[in-house]
Amino acid sequence: MENNKFYELKELRNILPITDQRTIIKWLSDHQIPIQKIAGKKVVHRFIVDMEIDKSLVKELKQKYPEKWEDLYTCYRDNDRLGYLLLLDDDFVPTKRYESILIKEVEQKSSLAAKFLKG
């Protein structure tokens, strides 16, 4: 479906490790995610599904890194691998070879990553 606010139920097969439509509907029900019918298609709110999927990750980050979990989750959400590495290891200093790879291939998604790459 073109609307970014919703997932069609059939799209959830690509997101969840579930292929059976009935099992997907049961998962949605178990997590109290309502199914809506819009223009003849069964859809769910993307935000609610994504947050439900991320709940276990957030819980683990809170337990493991109580002072940094929000920044780590932001890096995860933004696909900011460099920022994530920097948050986990205060002594992280990449070699020149690694640094050039990061500058070429990693888009600076956080202010932390941008600051590091500027030197």
N, C-alpha and C. Protein backbone atom coordinates (compact mmCIF):
# COMPACT_ATOMS: atom_id res chain seq x y z
N MET A 1 0.85 -1.18 0.00
CA MET A 1 0.00 0.00 0.00
C MET A 1 0.89 1.24 0.00
N GLU A 2 0.53 2.26 -0.73
CA GLU A 2 1.36 3.44 -0.89
C GLU A 2 1.38 4.33 0.34
N ASN A 3 0.35 4.29 1.15
CA ASN A 3 0.28 5.15 2.32
C ASN A 3 1.26 4.66 3.37
N ASN A 4 2.16 5.54 3.81
CA ASN A 4 3.18 5.16 4.79
C ASN A 4 2.64 5.00 6.20
N LYS A 5 1.40 5.34 6.44
CA LYS A 5 0.85 5.22 7.78
C LYS A 5 0.36 3.81 8.09
N PHE A 6 0.21 2.99 7.07
CA PHE A 6 -0.38 1.67 7.26
C PHE A 6 0.47 0.57 6.63
N TYR A 7 0.33 -0.63 7.20
CA TYR A 7 0.80 -1.86 6.57
C TYR A 7 -0.44 -2.62 6.13
N GLU A 8 -0.41 -3.18 4.94
CA GLU A 8 -1.43 -4.14 4.57
C GLU A 8 -1.07 -5.44 5.29
N LEU A 9 -2.08 -6.23 5.62
CA LEU A 9 -1.80 -7.47 6.35
C LEU A 9 -0.80 -8.36 5.61
N LYS A 10 -0.91 -8.41 4.27
CA LYS A 10 0.01 -9.27 3.52
C LYS A 10 1.45 -8.76 3.61
N GLU A 11 1.66 -7.46 3.85
CA GLU A 11 3.02 -6.92 4.01
C GLU A 11 3.68 -7.43 5.29
N LEU A 12 2.89 -7.77 6.28
CA LEU A 12 3.44 -8.20 7.56
C LEU A 12 4.21 -9.51 7.43
N ARG A 13 3.94 -10.27 6.37
CA ARG A 13 4.70 -11.51 6.12
C ARG A 13 6.18 -11.20 5.91
N ASN A 14 6.48 -10.01 5.37
CA ASN A 14 7.86 -9.62 5.12
C ASN A 14 8.51 -9.00 6.36
N ILE A 15 7.73 -8.67 7.35
CA ILE A 15 8.23 -7.97 8.54
C ILE A 15 8.33 -8.90 9.73
N LEU A 16 7.31 -9.69 9.94
CA LEU A 16 7.28 -10.64 11.05
C LEU A 16 7.77 -12.00 10.57
N PRO A 17 8.32 -12.81 11.46
CA PRO A 17 8.73 -14.16 11.05
C PRO A 17 7.54 -15.11 10.99
N ILE A 18 6.48 -14.64 10.34
CA ILE A 18 5.22 -15.40 10.25
C ILE A 18 4.76 -15.33 8.80
N THR A 19 4.36 -16.47 8.24
CA THR A 19 3.88 -16.45 6.86
C THR A 19 2.38 -16.74 6.75
N ASP A 20 1.83 -17.41 7.74
CA ASP A 20 0.42 -17.78 7.71
C ASP A 20 -0.46 -16.58 8.10
N GLN A 21 -1.42 -16.26 7.26
CA GLN A 21 -2.30 -15.10 7.48
C GLN A 21 -3.06 -15.21 8.81
N ARG A 22 -3.53 -16.39 9.16
CA ARG A 22 -4.27 -16.55 10.42
C ARG A 22 -3.37 -16.31 11.62
N THR A 23 -2.12 -16.73 11.53
CA THR A 23 -1.17 -16.51 12.62
C THR A 23 -0.85 -15.03 12.76
N ILE A 24 -0.75 -14.32 11.64
CA ILE A 24 -0.53 -12.87 11.68
C ILE A 24 -1.70 -12.19 12.38
N ILE A 25 -2.91 -12.58 12.03
CA ILE A 25 -4.10 -11.99 12.66
C ILE A 25 -4.11 -12.30 14.15
N LYS A 26 -3.71 -13.50 14.53
CA LYS A 26 -3.65 -13.86 15.95
C LYS A 26 -2.59 -13.01 16.66
N TRP A 27 -1.42 -12.82 16.03
CA TRP A 27 -0.37 -11.99 16.61
C TRP A 27 -0.88 -10.57 16.83
N LEU A 28 -1.56 -10.03 15.86
CA LEU A 28 -2.13 -8.67 15.99
C LEU A 28 -3.13 -8.63 17.14
N SER A 29 -3.96 -9.63 17.24
CA SER A 29 -4.96 -9.69 18.31
C SER A 29 -4.28 -9.81 19.67
N ASP A 30 -3.28 -10.68 19.78
CA ASP A 30 -2.55 -10.87 21.04
C ASP A 30 -1.88 -9.57 21.51
N HIS A 31 -1.49 -8.74 20.55
CA HIS A 31 -0.83 -7.48 20.88
C HIS A 31 -1.79 -6.29 20.82
N GLN A 32 -3.07 -6.60 20.74
CA GLN A 32 -4.14 -5.60 20.75
C GLN A 32 -3.95 -4.52 19.68
N ILE A 33 -3.59 -4.96 18.48
CA ILE A 33 -3.43 -4.06 17.35
C ILE A 33 -4.66 -4.22 16.46
N PRO A 34 -5.46 -3.17 16.35
CA PRO A 34 -6.69 -3.28 15.58
C PRO A 34 -6.45 -3.34 14.06
N ILE A 35 -7.26 -4.15 13.41
CA ILE A 35 -7.23 -4.25 11.95
C ILE A 35 -8.35 -3.38 11.41
N GLN A 36 -8.02 -2.56 10.43
CA GLN A 36 -9.02 -1.69 9.81
C GLN A 36 -9.18 -2.08 8.35
N LYS A 37 -10.33 -1.76 7.82
CA LYS A 37 -10.55 -2.00 6.39
C LYS A 37 -10.67 -0.64 5.73
N ILE A 38 -9.73 -0.36 4.83
CA ILE A 38 -9.71 0.91 4.11
C ILE A 38 -9.62 0.60 2.62
N ALA A 39 -10.55 1.11 1.88
CA ALA A 39 -10.60 0.89 0.42
C ALA A 39 -10.53 -0.60 0.08
N GLY A 40 -11.22 -1.40 0.87
CA GLY A 40 -11.27 -2.83 0.61
C GLY A 40 -10.03 -3.62 1.02
N LYS A 41 -9.09 -2.95 1.66
CA LYS A 41 -7.87 -3.63 2.09
C LYS A 41 -7.79 -3.64 3.61
N LYS A 42 -7.33 -4.77 4.15
CA LYS A 42 -7.14 -4.87 5.60
C LYS A 42 -5.77 -4.29 5.93
N VAL A 43 -5.78 -3.29 6.83
CA VAL A 43 -4.55 -2.59 7.17
C VAL A 43 -4.43 -2.42 8.68
N VAL A 44 -3.20 -2.16 9.13
CA VAL A 44 -2.93 -1.83 10.52
C VAL A 44 -2.02 -0.61 10.53
N HIS A 45 -2.04 0.12 11.62
CA HIS A 45 -1.18 1.30 11.72
C HIS A 45 0.28 0.87 11.82
N ARG A 46 1.08 1.39 10.92
CA ARG A 46 2.51 1.08 10.86
C ARG A 46 3.21 1.41 12.19
N PHE A 47 2.92 2.57 12.75
CA PHE A 47 3.57 3.02 13.98
C PHE A 47 3.35 2.03 15.11
N ILE A 48 2.11 1.56 15.26
CA ILE A 48 1.79 0.65 16.36
C ILE A 48 2.51 -0.69 16.18
N VAL A 49 2.52 -1.20 14.96
CA VAL A 49 3.21 -2.47 14.68
C VAL A 49 4.71 -2.33 14.93
N ASP A 50 5.30 -1.26 14.41
CA ASP A 50 6.74 -1.06 14.58
C ASP A 50 7.11 -0.93 16.05
N MET A 51 6.31 -0.21 16.82
CA MET A 51 6.60 -0.05 18.24
C MET A 51 6.45 -1.38 18.99
N GLU A 52 5.47 -2.16 18.62
CA GLU A 52 5.29 -3.47 19.27
C GLU A 52 6.47 -4.38 18.98
N ILE A 53 6.98 -4.34 17.75
CA ILE A 53 8.14 -5.15 17.38
C ILE A 53 9.37 -4.70 18.16
N ASP A 54 9.51 -3.40 18.37
CA ASP A 54 10.69 -2.85 19.04
C ASP A 54 10.64 -2.92 20.57
N LYS A 55 9.52 -3.30 21.14
CA LYS A 55 9.40 -3.32 22.61
C LYS A 55 10.49 -4.15 23.29
N SER A 56 10.75 -5.34 22.77
CA SER A 56 11.74 -6.20 23.42
C SER A 56 13.14 -5.60 23.32
N LEU A 57 13.44 -4.96 22.19
CA LEU A 57 14.74 -4.31 22.03
C LEU A 57 14.89 -3.17 23.04
N VAL A 58 13.87 -2.35 23.18
CA VAL A 58 13.91 -1.23 24.13
C VAL A 58 14.10 -1.76 25.55
N LYS A 59 13.38 -2.81 25.89
CA LYS A 59 13.52 -3.40 27.23
C LYS A 59 14.95 -3.87 27.48
N GLU A 60 15.53 -4.55 26.49
CA GLU A 60 16.90 -5.04 26.62
C GLU A 60 17.89 -3.89 26.73
N LEU A 61 17.72 -2.85 25.90
CA LEU A 61 18.61 -1.69 25.97
C LEU A 61 18.51 -0.99 27.32
N LYS A 62 17.30 -0.88 27.86
CA LYS A 62 17.13 -0.24 29.17
C LYS A 62 17.86 -1.01 30.26
N GLN A 63 17.80 -2.34 30.20
CA GLN A 63 18.46 -3.16 31.21
C GLN A 63 19.98 -3.11 31.07
N LYS A 64 20.46 -3.17 29.84
CA LYS A 64 21.89 -3.26 29.60
C LYS A 64 22.60 -1.90 29.67
N TYR A 65 21.92 -0.86 29.21
CA TYR A 65 22.53 0.48 29.14
C TYR A 65 21.55 1.53 29.68
N PRO A 66 21.30 1.53 30.96
CA PRO A 66 20.27 2.43 31.52
C PRO A 66 20.53 3.92 31.25
N GLU A 67 21.78 4.31 31.11
CA GLU A 67 22.10 5.72 30.88
C GLU A 67 22.09 6.11 29.40
N LYS A 68 22.22 5.12 28.53
CA LYS A 68 22.38 5.41 27.10
C LYS A 68 21.27 4.83 26.22
N TRP A 69 20.29 4.15 26.81
CA TRP A 69 19.36 3.38 26.01
C TRP A 69 18.61 4.22 24.99
N GLU A 70 18.23 5.45 25.35
CA GLU A 70 17.46 6.28 24.41
C GLU A 70 18.30 6.65 23.19
N ASP A 71 19.55 7.04 23.42
CA ASP A 71 20.43 7.37 22.30
C ASP A 71 20.73 6.15 21.45
N LEU A 72 20.91 5.00 22.08
CA LEU A 72 21.16 3.76 21.34
C LEU A 72 19.95 3.39 20.48
N TYR A 73 18.76 3.53 21.06
CA TYR A 73 17.54 3.21 20.29
C TYR A 73 17.39 4.18 19.12
N THR A 74 17.71 5.44 19.33
CA THR A 74 17.64 6.42 18.24
C THR A 74 18.60 6.03 17.12
N CYS A 75 19.81 5.62 17.48
CA CYS A 75 20.76 5.16 16.47
C CYS A 75 20.23 3.94 15.72
N TYR A 76 19.64 3.00 16.44
CA TYR A 76 19.05 1.80 15.82
C TYR A 76 17.94 2.21 14.85
N ARG A 77 17.05 3.06 15.31
CA ARG A 77 15.90 3.49 14.51
C ARG A 77 16.34 4.22 13.25
N ASP A 78 17.42 5.03 13.37
CA ASP A 78 17.93 5.81 12.24
C ASP A 78 18.97 5.06 11.42
N ASN A 79 19.23 3.80 11.79
CA ASN A 79 20.24 2.97 11.12
C ASN A 79 21.61 3.65 11.15
N ASP A 80 21.93 4.24 12.29
CA ASP A 80 23.18 4.97 12.49
C ASP A 80 24.18 4.07 13.22
N ARG A 81 24.85 3.23 12.45
CA ARG A 81 25.77 2.25 13.05
C ARG A 81 26.97 2.92 13.70
N LEU A 82 27.47 3.97 13.09
CA LEU A 82 28.62 4.66 13.66
C LEU A 82 28.26 5.29 15.01
N GLY A 83 27.13 5.96 15.07
CA GLY A 83 26.70 6.55 16.34
C GLY A 83 26.52 5.49 17.40
N TYR A 84 25.97 4.34 17.02
CA TYR A 84 25.77 3.23 17.95
C TYR A 84 27.11 2.76 18.51
N LEU A 85 28.09 2.56 17.60
CA LEU A 85 29.42 2.13 18.03
C LEU A 85 30.05 3.14 18.98
N LEU A 86 29.92 4.39 18.64
CA LEU A 86 30.52 5.44 19.48
C LEU A 86 29.89 5.49 20.86
N LEU A 87 28.59 5.28 20.93
CA LEU A 87 27.91 5.27 22.22
C LEU A 87 28.32 4.08 23.08
N LEU A 88 28.58 2.96 22.46
CA LEU A 88 28.95 1.75 23.20
C LEU A 88 30.39 1.75 23.67
N ASP A 89 31.25 2.42 22.94
CA ASP A 89 32.67 2.37 23.29
C ASP A 89 33.24 3.78 23.27
N ASP A 90 33.43 4.35 24.44
CA ASP A 90 33.96 5.71 24.55
C ASP A 90 35.40 5.80 24.04
N ASP A 91 36.10 4.69 24.00
CA ASP A 91 37.50 4.68 23.55
C ASP A 91 37.63 4.28 22.08
N PHE A 92 36.52 4.20 21.35
CA PHE A 92 36.54 3.76 19.96
C PHE A 92 37.26 4.78 19.08
N VAL A 93 38.36 4.33 18.47
CA VAL A 93 39.11 5.17 17.54
C VAL A 93 39.38 4.32 16.30
N PRO A 94 38.70 4.60 15.20
CA PRO A 94 38.90 3.78 14.01
C PRO A 94 40.26 4.03 13.37
N THR A 95 40.78 3.02 12.70
CA THR A 95 42.02 3.19 11.95
C THR A 95 41.72 4.08 10.75
N LYS A 96 42.74 4.58 10.10
CA LYS A 96 42.55 5.44 8.92
C LYS A 96 41.75 4.70 7.85
N ARG A 97 42.07 3.42 7.64
CA ARG A 97 41.36 2.63 6.63
C ARG A 97 39.89 2.54 6.97
N TYR A 98 39.59 2.22 8.22
CA TYR A 98 38.20 2.08 8.66
C TYR A 98 37.48 3.42 8.60
N GLU A 99 38.18 4.48 8.99
CA GLU A 99 37.58 5.81 8.98
C GLU A 99 37.18 6.20 7.56
N SER A 100 38.03 5.90 6.56
CA SER A 100 37.68 6.27 5.19
C SER A 100 36.48 5.48 4.69
N ILE A 101 36.34 4.23 5.12
CA ILE A 101 35.18 3.42 4.76
C ILE A 101 33.93 4.03 5.37
N LEU A 102 34.02 4.42 6.63
CA LEU A 102 32.86 5.01 7.30
C LEU A 102 32.43 6.30 6.64
N ILE A 103 33.37 7.14 6.30
CA ILE A 103 33.04 8.43 5.70
C ILE A 103 32.36 8.23 4.35
N LYS A 104 32.82 7.24 3.57
CA LYS A 104 32.23 6.99 2.25
C LYS A 104 30.87 6.33 2.35
N GLU A 105 30.73 5.33 3.23
CA GLU A 105 29.55 4.47 3.20
C GLU A 105 28.50 4.77 4.25
N VAL A 106 28.81 5.54 5.26
CA VAL A 106 27.85 5.78 6.33
C VAL A 106 27.36 7.21 6.26
N GLU A 107 26.09 7.35 6.05
CA GLU A 107 25.51 8.69 6.08
C GLU A 107 25.46 9.13 7.53
N GLN A 108 25.83 10.36 7.80
CA GLN A 108 25.87 10.86 9.17
C GLN A 108 24.44 11.14 9.63
N LYS A 109 23.88 10.24 10.40
CA LYS A 109 22.49 10.35 10.78
C LYS A 109 22.31 11.05 12.11
N SER A 110 23.29 11.09 12.93
CA SER A 110 23.15 11.75 14.22
C SER A 110 24.21 12.84 14.36
N SER A 111 23.96 13.76 15.23
CA SER A 111 24.95 14.81 15.47
C SER A 111 26.24 14.22 16.03
N LEU A 112 26.12 13.15 16.79
CA LEU A 112 27.30 12.47 17.36
C LEU A 112 28.18 11.93 16.23
N ALA A 113 27.59 11.26 15.26
CA ALA A 113 28.35 10.70 14.14
C ALA A 113 28.95 11.82 13.29
N ALA A 114 28.20 12.86 13.03
CA ALA A 114 28.71 13.98 12.24
C ALA A 114 29.89 14.64 12.92
N LYS A 115 29.78 14.82 14.22
CA LYS A 115 30.86 15.45 15.00
C LYS A 115 32.12 14.59 14.94
N PHE A 116 31.95 13.27 15.06
CA PHE A 116 33.09 12.36 15.02
C PHE A 116 33.77 12.42 13.65
N LEU A 117 32.99 12.39 12.59
CA LEU A 117 33.56 12.36 11.25
C LEU A 117 34.25 13.67 10.89
N LYS A 118 33.82 14.77 11.48
CA LYS A 118 34.47 16.07 11.23
C LYS A 118 35.79 16.17 11.97
N GLY A 119 35.95 15.37 13.02
CA GLY A 119 37.20 15.32 13.75
C GLY A 119 37.32 16.26 14.87
